[in-house]
Amino acid sequence: MKTEVIISNVLRLGVWLSMALIVTGSGWHFIAGGGAQSAGVLTAGLALLIVTPVLRVATSLVLFWLEGDKVYVIITAVVLVLLALSFILGYSP
């Protein structure tokens, strides 16, 4: 399978799954009157939506490594490290 197709499938799957979780959590919230369960489902959907681009970069890294493209492996690894650092440094308890 081509690299572009795999990457687009990762993005598509992440968006569809996050949308399903957000719609489910929203429906549960409005039908059942809220609660920790619906908030958890909504949070999971939003977290998946945020993590989806990171999964795309990680998938790209693996695919470039499998293709033997050293330049893109280095560039993608740097991007992945910067994304990880932004999550770590942006975390505020």
PDB file of N, CA and C in Angstrom:
ATOM      1  N   MET A   1       0.852  -1.179   0.000  1.00  0.00           N
ATOM      2  CA  MET A   1       0.000   0.000   0.000  1.00  0.00           C
ATOM      3  C   MET A   1       0.894   1.237   0.000  1.00  0.00           C
ATOM      4  N   LYS A   2       0.461   2.273  -0.670  1.00  0.00           N
ATOM      5  CA  LYS A   2       1.259   3.488  -0.759  1.00  0.00           C
ATOM      6  C   LYS A   2       1.262   4.245   0.566  1.00  0.00           C
ATOM      7  N   THR A   3       2.346   4.947   0.792  1.00  0.00           N
ATOM      8  CA  THR A   3       2.509   5.727   2.025  1.00  0.00           C
ATOM      9  C   THR A   3       1.381   6.732   2.201  1.00  0.00           C
ATOM     10  N   GLU A   4       1.045   7.439   1.130  1.00  0.00           N
ATOM     11  CA  GLU A   4       0.001   8.471   1.215  1.00  0.00           C
ATOM     12  C   GLU A   4      -1.351   7.876   1.603  1.00  0.00           C
ATOM     13  N   VAL A   5      -1.644   6.699   1.087  1.00  0.00           N
ATOM     14  CA  VAL A   5      -2.925   6.045   1.382  1.00  0.00           C
ATOM     15  C   VAL A   5      -2.980   5.626   2.846  1.00  0.00           C
ATOM     16  N   ILE A   6      -1.892   5.076   3.349  1.00  0.00           N
ATOM     17  CA  ILE A   6      -1.853   4.656   4.758  1.00  0.00           C
ATOM     18  C   ILE A   6      -2.006   5.862   5.672  1.00  0.00           C
ATOM     19  N   ILE A   7      -1.289   6.937   5.368  1.00  0.00           N
ATOM     20  CA  ILE A   7      -1.366   8.144   6.197  1.00  0.00           C
ATOM     21  C   ILE A   7      -2.772   8.732   6.164  1.00  0.00           C
ATOM     22  N   SER A   8      -3.380   8.784   4.979  1.00  0.00           N
ATOM     23  CA  SER A   8      -4.741   9.332   4.900  1.00  0.00           C
ATOM     24  C   SER A   8      -5.730   8.437   5.650  1.00  0.00           C
ATOM     25  N   ASN A   9      -5.510   7.125   5.625  1.00  0.00           N
ATOM     26  CA  ASN A   9      -6.386   6.221   6.385  1.00  0.00           C
ATOM     27  C   ASN A   9      -6.253   6.437   7.883  1.00  0.00           C
ATOM     28  N   VAL A  10      -5.024   6.695   8.356  1.00  0.00           N
ATOM     29  CA  VAL A  10      -4.820   6.981   9.786  1.00  0.00           C
ATOM     30  C   VAL A  10      -5.577   8.250  10.175  1.00  0.00           C
ATOM     31  N   LEU A  11      -5.454   9.286   9.361  1.00  0.00           N
ATOM     32  CA  LEU A  11      -6.161  10.541   9.654  1.00  0.00           C
ATOM     33  C   LEU A  11      -7.675  10.347   9.601  1.00  0.00           C
ATOM     34  N   ARG A  12      -8.136   9.663   8.580  1.00  0.00           N
ATOM     35  CA  ARG A  12      -9.572   9.443   8.421  1.00  0.00           C
ATOM     36  C   ARG A  12     -10.133   8.636   9.597  1.00  0.00           C
ATOM     37  N   LEU A  13      -9.446   7.570   9.974  1.00  0.00           N
ATOM     38  CA  LEU A  13      -9.903   6.738  11.087  1.00  0.00           C
ATOM     39  C   LEU A  13      -9.930   7.528  12.394  1.00  0.00           C
ATOM     40  N   GLY A  14      -8.880   8.314  12.629  1.00  0.00           N
ATOM     41  CA  GLY A  14      -8.835   9.111  13.853  1.00  0.00           C
ATOM     42  C   GLY A  14      -9.963  10.114  13.935  1.00  0.00           C
ATOM     43  N   VAL A  15     -10.266  10.783  12.821  1.00  0.00           N
ATOM     44  CA  VAL A  15     -11.343  11.775  12.814  1.00  0.00           C
ATOM     45  C   VAL A  15     -12.699  11.100  12.988  1.00  0.00           C
ATOM     46  N   TRP A  16     -12.931   9.987  12.289  1.00  0.00           N
ATOM     47  CA  TRP A  16     -14.216   9.297  12.412  1.00  0.00           C
ATOM     48  C   TRP A  16     -14.439   8.734  13.811  1.00  0.00           C
ATOM     49  N   LEU A  17     -13.391   8.142  14.390  1.00  0.00           N
ATOM     50  CA  LEU A  17     -13.539   7.605  15.750  1.00  0.00           C
ATOM     51  C   LEU A  17     -13.769   8.715  16.766  1.00  0.00           C
ATOM     52  N   SER A  18     -13.037   9.812  16.629  1.00  0.00           N
ATOM     53  CA  SER A  18     -13.232  10.918  17.571  1.00  0.00           C
ATOM     54  C   SER A  18     -14.623  11.519  17.405  1.00  0.00           C
ATOM     55  N   MET A  19     -15.086  11.628  16.161  1.00  0.00           N
ATOM     56  CA  MET A  19     -16.428  12.148  15.931  1.00  0.00           C
ATOM     57  C   MET A  19     -17.478  11.222  16.549  1.00  0.00           C
ATOM     58  N   ALA A  20     -17.281   9.920  16.402  1.00  0.00           N
ATOM     59  CA  ALA A  20     -18.228   8.967  16.984  1.00  0.00           C
ATOM     60  C   ALA A  20     -18.270   9.096  18.509  1.00  0.00           C
ATOM     61  N   LEU A  21     -17.101   9.239  19.120  1.00  0.00           N
ATOM     62  CA  LEU A  21     -17.062   9.403  20.578  1.00  0.00           C
ATOM     63  C   LEU A  21     -17.706  10.714  21.014  1.00  0.00           C
ATOM     64  N   ILE A  22     -17.446  11.794  20.285  1.00  0.00           N
ATOM     65  CA  ILE A  22     -18.014  13.096  20.657  1.00  0.00           C
ATOM     66  C   ILE A  22     -19.529  13.092  20.492  1.00  0.00           C
ATOM     67  N   VAL A  23     -20.016  12.524  19.395  1.00  0.00           N
ATOM     68  CA  VAL A  23     -21.465  12.457  19.180  1.00  0.00           C
ATOM     69  C   VAL A  23     -22.113  11.559  20.234  1.00  0.00           C
ATOM     70  N   THR A  24     -21.488  10.430  20.533  1.00  0.00           N
ATOM     71  CA  THR A  24     -22.026   9.521  21.553  1.00  0.00           C
ATOM     72  C   THR A  24     -22.058  10.201  22.919  1.00  0.00           C
ATOM     73  N   GLY A  25     -20.942  10.832  23.285  1.00  0.00           N
ATOM     74  CA  GLY A  25     -20.893  11.518  24.579  1.00  0.00           C
ATOM     75  C   GLY A  25     -21.880  12.659  24.672  1.00  0.00           C
ATOM     76  N   SER A  26     -22.048  13.405  23.577  1.00  0.00           N
ATOM     77  CA  SER A  26     -23.010  14.521  23.568  1.00  0.00           C
ATOM     78  C   SER A  26     -24.438  14.003  23.692  1.00  0.00           C
ATOM     79  N   GLY A  27     -24.738  12.963  22.920  1.00  0.00           N
ATOM     80  CA  GLY A  27     -26.083  12.393  23.005  1.00  0.00           C
ATOM     81  C   GLY A  27     -26.376  11.847  24.382  1.00  0.00           C
ATOM     82  N   TRP A  28     -25.402  11.159  24.944  1.00  0.00           N
ATOM     83  CA  TRP A  28     -25.554  10.609  26.287  1.00  0.00           C
ATOM     84  C   TRP A  28     -25.769  11.728  27.298  1.00  0.00           C
ATOM     85  N   HIS A  29     -25.041  12.817  27.126  1.00  0.00           N
ATOM     86  CA  HIS A  29     -25.155  13.965  28.036  1.00  0.00           C
ATOM     87  C   HIS A  29     -26.565  14.559  27.982  1.00  0.00           C
ATOM     88  N   PHE A  30     -27.087  14.762  26.782  1.00  0.00           N
ATOM     89  CA  PHE A  30     -28.389  15.411  26.655  1.00  0.00           C
ATOM     90  C   PHE A  30     -29.544  14.475  26.969  1.00  0.00           C
ATOM     91  N   ILE A  31     -29.400  13.187  26.686  1.00  0.00           N
ATOM     92  CA  ILE A  31     -30.486  12.240  26.945  1.00  0.00           C
ATOM     93  C   ILE A  31     -30.514  11.832  28.414  1.00  0.00           C
ATOM     94  N   ALA A  32     -29.341  11.498  28.963  1.00  0.00           N
ATOM     95  CA  ALA A  32     -29.275  10.982  30.329  1.00  0.00           C
ATOM     96  C   ALA A  32     -29.014  12.076  31.363  1.00  0.00           C
ATOM     97  N   GLY A  33     -28.832  13.297  30.926  1.00  0.00           N
ATOM     98  CA  GLY A  33     -28.651  14.383  31.878  1.00  0.00           C
ATOM     99  C   GLY A  33     -27.232  14.565  32.366  1.00  0.00           C
ATOM    100  N   GLY A  34     -26.268  14.152  31.620  1.00  0.00           N
ATOM    101  CA  GLY A  34     -24.869  14.396  31.988  1.00  0.00           C
ATOM    102  C   GLY A  34     -24.317  13.308  32.874  1.00  0.00           C
ATOM    103  N   GLY A  35     -23.270  13.658  33.581  1.00  0.00           N
ATOM    104  CA  GLY A  35     -22.622  12.693  34.444  1.00  0.00           C
ATOM    105  C   GLY A  35     -21.188  12.454  34.032  1.00  0.00           C
ATOM    106  N   ALA A  36     -20.497  11.717  34.873  1.00  0.00           N
ATOM    107  CA  ALA A  36     -19.073  11.477  34.648  1.00  0.00           C
ATOM    108  C   ALA A  36     -18.830  10.602  33.418  1.00  0.00           C
ATOM    109  N   GLN A  37     -19.750   9.676  33.147  1.00  0.00           N
ATOM    110  CA  GLN A  37     -19.543   8.787  32.002  1.00  0.00           C
ATOM    111  C   GLN A  37     -19.595   9.554  30.681  1.00  0.00           C
ATOM    112  N   SER A  38     -20.592  10.407  30.523  1.00  0.00           N
ATOM    113  CA  SER A  38     -20.705  11.163  29.275  1.00  0.00           C
ATOM    114  C   SER A  38     -19.551  12.139  29.132  1.00  0.00           C
ATOM    115  N   ALA A  39     -19.131  12.732  30.232  1.00  0.00           N
ATOM    116  CA  ALA A  39     -17.982  13.638  30.186  1.00  0.00           C
ATOM    117  C   ALA A  39     -16.707  12.884  29.810  1.00  0.00           C
ATOM    118  N   GLY A  40     -16.578  11.656  30.289  1.00  0.00           N
ATOM    119  CA  GLY A  40     -15.418  10.839  29.948  1.00  0.00           C
ATOM    120  C   GLY A  40     -15.379  10.478  28.472  1.00  0.00           C
ATOM    121  N   VAL A  41     -16.539  10.159  27.909  1.00  0.00           N
ATOM    122  CA  VAL A  41     -16.610   9.818  26.483  1.00  0.00           C
ATOM    123  C   VAL A  41     -16.288  11.054  25.645  1.00  0.00           C
ATOM    124  N   LEU A  42     -16.834  12.200  26.031  1.00  0.00           N
ATOM    125  CA  LEU A  42     -16.532  13.444  25.324  1.00  0.00           C
ATOM    126  C   LEU A  42     -15.046  13.773  25.395  1.00  0.00           C
ATOM    127  N   THR A  43     -14.464  13.629  26.564  1.00  0.00           N
ATOM    128  CA  THR A  43     -13.037  13.895  26.743  1.00  0.00           C
ATOM    129  C   THR A  43     -12.191  12.948  25.902  1.00  0.00           C
ATOM    130  N   ALA A  44     -12.576  11.685  25.857  1.00  0.00           N
ATOM    131  CA  ALA A  44     -11.845  10.712  25.036  1.00  0.00           C
ATOM    132  C   ALA A  44     -11.914  11.097  23.562  1.00  0.00           C
ATOM    133  N   GLY A  45     -13.074  11.543  23.108  1.00  0.00           N
ATOM    134  CA  GLY A  45     -13.220  11.971  21.721  1.00  0.00           C
ATOM    135  C   GLY A  45     -12.350  13.170  21.390  1.00  0.00           C
ATOM    136  N   LEU A  46     -12.324  14.146  22.280  1.00  0.00           N
ATOM    137  CA  LEU A  46     -11.488  15.331  22.057  1.00  0.00           C
ATOM    138  C   LEU A  46     -10.007  14.984  22.131  1.00  0.00           C
ATOM    139  N   ALA A  47      -9.646  14.113  23.060  1.00  0.00           N
ATOM    140  CA  ALA A  47      -8.243  13.698  23.164  1.00  0.00           C
ATOM    141  C   ALA A  47      -7.799  12.964  21.902  1.00  0.00           C
ATOM    142  N   LEU A  48      -8.650  12.093  21.385  1.00  0.00           N
ATOM    143  CA  LEU A  48      -8.319  11.378  20.153  1.00  0.00           C
ATOM    144  C   LEU A  48      -8.177  12.346  18.984  1.00  0.00           C
ATOM    145  N   LEU A  49      -9.024  13.358  18.940  1.00  0.00           N
ATOM    146  CA  LEU A  49      -8.932  14.358  17.877  1.00  0.00           C
ATOM    147  C   LEU A  49      -7.618  15.127  17.957  1.00  0.00           C
ATOM    148  N   ILE A  50      -7.159  15.403  19.161  1.00  0.00           N
ATOM    149  CA  ILE A  50      -5.888  16.104  19.348  1.00  0.00           C
ATOM    150  C   ILE A  50      -4.708  15.194  19.017  1.00  0.00           C
ATOM    151  N   VAL A  51      -4.795  13.930  19.357  1.00  0.00           N
ATOM    152  CA  VAL A  51      -3.692  12.986  19.164  1.00  0.00           C
ATOM    153  C   VAL A  51      -3.586  12.489  17.713  1.00  0.00           C
ATOM    154  N   THR A  52      -4.656  12.597  16.941  1.00  0.00           N
ATOM    155  CA  THR A  52      -4.653  12.076  15.574  1.00  0.00           C
ATOM    156  C   THR A  52      -3.503  12.611  14.714  1.00  0.00           C
ATOM    157  N   PRO A  53      -3.217  13.917  14.704  1.00  0.00           N
ATOM    158  CA  PRO A  53      -2.067  14.383  13.911  1.00  0.00           C
ATOM    159  C   PRO A  53      -0.727  13.825  14.407  1.00  0.00           C
ATOM    160  N   VAL A  54      -0.620  13.576  15.697  1.00  0.00           N
ATOM    161  CA  VAL A  54       0.612  12.995  16.235  1.00  0.00           C
ATOM    162  C   VAL A  54       0.748  11.548  15.738  1.00  0.00           C
ATOM    163  N   LEU A  55      -0.371  10.831  15.699  1.00  0.00           N
ATOM    164  CA  LEU A  55      -0.357   9.473  15.158  1.00  0.00           C
ATOM    165  C   LEU A  55       0.033   9.479  13.681  1.00  0.00           C
ATOM    166  N   ARG A  56      -0.376  10.507  12.973  1.00  0.00           N
ATOM    167  CA  ARG A  56      -0.002  10.643  11.571  1.00  0.00           C
ATOM    168  C   ARG A  56       1.501  10.790  11.422  1.00  0.00           C
ATOM    169  N   VAL A  57       2.115  11.616  12.268  1.00  0.00           N
ATOM    170  CA  VAL A  57       3.567  11.800  12.209  1.00  0.00           C
ATOM    171  C   VAL A  57       4.280  10.506  12.600  1.00  0.00           C
ATOM    172  N   ALA A  58       3.794   9.825  13.629  1.00  0.00           N
ATOM    173  CA  ALA A  58       4.411   8.566  14.045  1.00  0.00           C
ATOM    174  C   ALA A  58       4.290   7.510  12.944  1.00  0.00           C
ATOM    175  N   THR A  59       3.144   7.452  12.295  1.00  0.00           N
ATOM    176  CA  THR A  59       2.964   6.518  11.178  1.00  0.00           C
ATOM    177  C   THR A  59       3.916   6.856  10.039  1.00  0.00           C
ATOM    178  N   SER A  60       4.057   8.143   9.745  1.00  0.00           N
ATOM    179  CA  SER A  60       4.983   8.574   8.694  1.00  0.00           C
ATOM    180  C   SER A  60       6.405   8.153   9.019  1.00  0.00           C
ATOM    181  N   LEU A  61       6.785   8.308  10.267  1.00  0.00           N
ATOM    182  CA  LEU A  61       8.132   7.927  10.685  1.00  0.00           C
ATOM    183  C   LEU A  61       8.382   6.440  10.409  1.00  0.00           C
ATOM    184  N   VAL A  62       7.445   5.604  10.804  1.00  0.00           N
ATOM    185  CA  VAL A  62       7.591   4.159  10.582  1.00  0.00           C
ATOM    186  C   VAL A  62       7.632   3.837   9.091  1.00  0.00           C
ATOM    187  N   LEU A  63       6.748   4.443   8.333  1.00  0.00           N
ATOM    188  CA  LEU A  63       6.703   4.157   6.894  1.00  0.00           C
ATOM    189  C   LEU A  63       7.970   4.619   6.182  1.00  0.00           C
ATOM    190  N   PHE A  64       8.469   5.795   6.541  1.00  0.00           N
ATOM    191  CA  PHE A  64       9.715   6.268   5.930  1.00  0.00           C
ATOM    192  C   PHE A  64      10.882   5.366   6.313  1.00  0.00           C
ATOM    193  N   TRP A  65      10.877   4.874   7.552  1.00  0.00           N
ATOM    194  CA  TRP A  65      11.928   3.961   7.995  1.00  0.00           C
ATOM    195  C   TRP A  65      11.869   2.647   7.202  1.00  0.00           C
ATOM    196  N   LEU A  66      10.652   2.146   6.997  1.00  0.00           N
ATOM    197  CA  LEU A  66      10.494   0.908   6.232  1.00  0.00           C
ATOM    198  C   LEU A  66      10.904   1.089   4.767  1.00  0.00           C
ATOM    199  N   GLU A  67      10.712   2.297   4.238  1.00  0.00           N
ATOM    200  CA  GLU A  67      11.107   2.583   2.862  1.00  0.00           C
ATOM    201  C   GLU A  67      12.609   2.838   2.740  1.00  0.00           C
ATOM    202  N   GLY A  68      13.272   3.075   3.870  1.00  0.00           N
ATOM    203  CA  GLY A  68      14.698   3.349   3.862  1.00  0.00           C
ATOM    204  C   GLY A  68      15.047   4.785   3.508  1.00  0.00           C
ATOM    205  N   ASP A  69      14.101   5.696   3.663  1.00  0.00           N
ATOM    206  CA  ASP A  69      14.317   7.105   3.343  1.00  0.00           C
ATOM    207  C   ASP A  69      14.872   7.829   4.573  1.00  0.00           C
ATOM    208  N   LYS A  70      16.190   7.863   4.686  1.00  0.00           N
ATOM    209  CA  LYS A  70      16.855   8.364   5.890  1.00  0.00           C
ATOM    210  C   LYS A  70      16.596   9.845   6.136  1.00  0.00           C
ATOM    211  N   VAL A  71      16.560  10.644   5.078  1.00  0.00           N
ATOM    212  CA  VAL A  71      16.333  12.087   5.243  1.00  0.00           C
ATOM    213  C   VAL A  71      14.967  12.345   5.860  1.00  0.00           C
ATOM    214  N   TYR A  72      13.938  11.705   5.322  1.00  0.00           N
ATOM    215  CA  TYR A  72      12.596  11.900   5.860  1.00  0.00           C
ATOM    216  C   TYR A  72      12.434  11.284   7.248  1.00  0.00           C
ATOM    217  N   VAL A  73      13.151  10.222   7.535  1.00  0.00           N
ATOM    218  CA  VAL A  73      13.113   9.648   8.883  1.00  0.00           C
ATOM    219  C   VAL A  73      13.641  10.669   9.887  1.00  0.00           C
ATOM    220  N   ILE A  74      14.751  11.313   9.561  1.00  0.00           N
ATOM    221  CA  ILE A  74      15.331  12.311  10.473  1.00  0.00           C
ATOM    222  C   ILE A  74      14.393  13.499  10.647  1.00  0.00           C
ATOM    223  N   ILE A  75      13.877  14.006   9.533  1.00  0.00           N
ATOM    224  CA  ILE A  75      12.971  15.159   9.605  1.00  0.00           C
ATOM    225  C   ILE A  75      11.721  14.813  10.408  1.00  0.00           C
ATOM    226  N   THR A  76      11.138  13.663  10.141  1.00  0.00           N
ATOM    227  CA  THR A  76       9.915  13.254  10.839  1.00  0.00           C
ATOM    228  C   THR A  76      10.185  12.981  12.312  1.00  0.00           C
ATOM    229  N   ALA A  77      11.343  12.427  12.627  1.00  0.00           N
ATOM    230  CA  ALA A  77      11.699  12.196  14.032  1.00  0.00           C
ATOM    231  C   ALA A  77      11.832  13.515  14.779  1.00  0.00           C
ATOM    232  N   VAL A  78      12.434  14.511  14.135  1.00  0.00           N
ATOM    233  CA  VAL A  78      12.554  15.840  14.766  1.00  0.00           C
ATOM    234  C   VAL A  78      11.166  16.428  15.014  1.00  0.00           C
ATOM    235  N   VAL A  79      10.273  16.322  14.035  1.00  0.00           N
ATOM    236  CA  VAL A  79       8.907  16.829  14.196  1.00  0.00           C
ATOM    237  C   VAL A  79       8.196  16.108  15.335  1.00  0.00           C
ATOM    238  N   LEU A  80       8.364  14.793  15.421  1.00  0.00           N
ATOM    239  CA  LEU A  80       7.717  14.017  16.483  1.00  0.00           C
ATOM    240  C   LEU A  80       8.257  14.411  17.861  1.00  0.00           C
ATOM    241  N   VAL A  81       9.553  14.624  17.956  1.00  0.00           N
ATOM    242  CA  VAL A  81      10.147  15.063  19.225  1.00  0.00           C
ATOM    243  C   VAL A  81       9.613  16.446  19.605  1.00  0.00           C
ATOM    244  N   LEU A  82       9.514  17.353  18.636  1.00  0.00           N
ATOM    245  CA  LEU A  82       8.983  18.692  18.925  1.00  0.00           C
ATOM    246  C   LEU A  82       7.523  18.636  19.366  1.00  0.00           C
ATOM    247  N   LEU A  83       6.749  17.770  18.735  1.00  0.00           N
ATOM    248  CA  LEU A  83       5.358  17.600  19.168  1.00  0.00           C
ATOM    249  C   LEU A  83       5.288  17.068  20.598  1.00  0.00           C
ATOM    250  N   ALA A  84       6.105  16.078  20.898  1.00  0.00           N
ATOM    251  CA  ALA A  84       6.127  15.523  22.256  1.00  0.00           C
ATOM    252  C   ALA A  84       6.539  16.581  23.269  1.00  0.00           C
ATOM    253  N   LEU A  85       7.560  17.358  22.928  1.00  0.00           N
ATOM    254  CA  LEU A  85       7.997  18.433  23.830  1.00  0.00           C
ATOM    255  C   LEU A  85       6.902  19.472  24.034  1.00  0.00           C
ATOM    256  N   SER A  86       6.175  19.791  22.981  1.00  0.00           N
ATOM    257  CA  SER A  86       5.105  20.785  23.124  1.00  0.00           C
ATOM    258  C   SER A  86       4.005  20.275  24.046  1.00  0.00           C
ATOM    259  N   PHE A  87       3.699  18.979  23.970  1.00  0.00           N
ATOM    260  CA  PHE A  87       2.706  18.412  24.883  1.00  0.00           C
ATOM    261  C   PHE A  87       3.223  18.412  26.317  1.00  0.00           C
ATOM    262  N   ILE A  88       4.473  18.019  26.490  1.00  0.00           N
ATOM    263  CA  ILE A  88       5.064  17.939  27.834  1.00  0.00           C
ATOM    264  C   ILE A  88       5.198  19.328  28.458  1.00  0.00           C
ATOM    265  N   LEU A  89       5.751  20.272  27.702  1.00  0.00           N
ATOM    266  CA  LEU A  89       5.962  21.615  28.245  1.00  0.00           C
ATOM    267  C   LEU A  89       4.668  22.392  28.385  1.00  0.00           C
ATOM    268  N   GLY A  90       3.668  22.045  27.590  1.00  0.00           N
ATOM    269  CA  GLY A  90       2.386  22.745  27.661  1.00  0.00           C
ATOM    270  C   GLY A  90       1.472  22.197  28.733  1.00  0.00           C
ATOM    271  N   TYR A  91       1.848  21.085  29.348  1.00  0.00           N
ATOM    272  CA  TYR A  91       1.030  20.468  30.388  1.00  0.00           C
ATOM    273  C   TYR A  91       1.041  21.328  31.641  1.00  0.00           C
ATOM    274  N   SER A  92      -0.136  21.617  32.148  1.00  0.00           N
ATOM    275  CA  SER A  92      -0.259  22.427  33.362  1.00  0.00           C
ATOM    276  C   SER A  92      -1.267  21.762  34.288  1.00  0.00           C
ATOM    277  N   PRO A  93      -0.782  21.123  35.373  1.00  0.00           N
ATOM    278  CA  PRO A  93      -1.723  20.425  36.269  1.00  0.00           C
ATOM    279  C   PRO A  93      -2.613  21.372  37.044  1.00  0.00           C
TER     280      PRO A  93
END
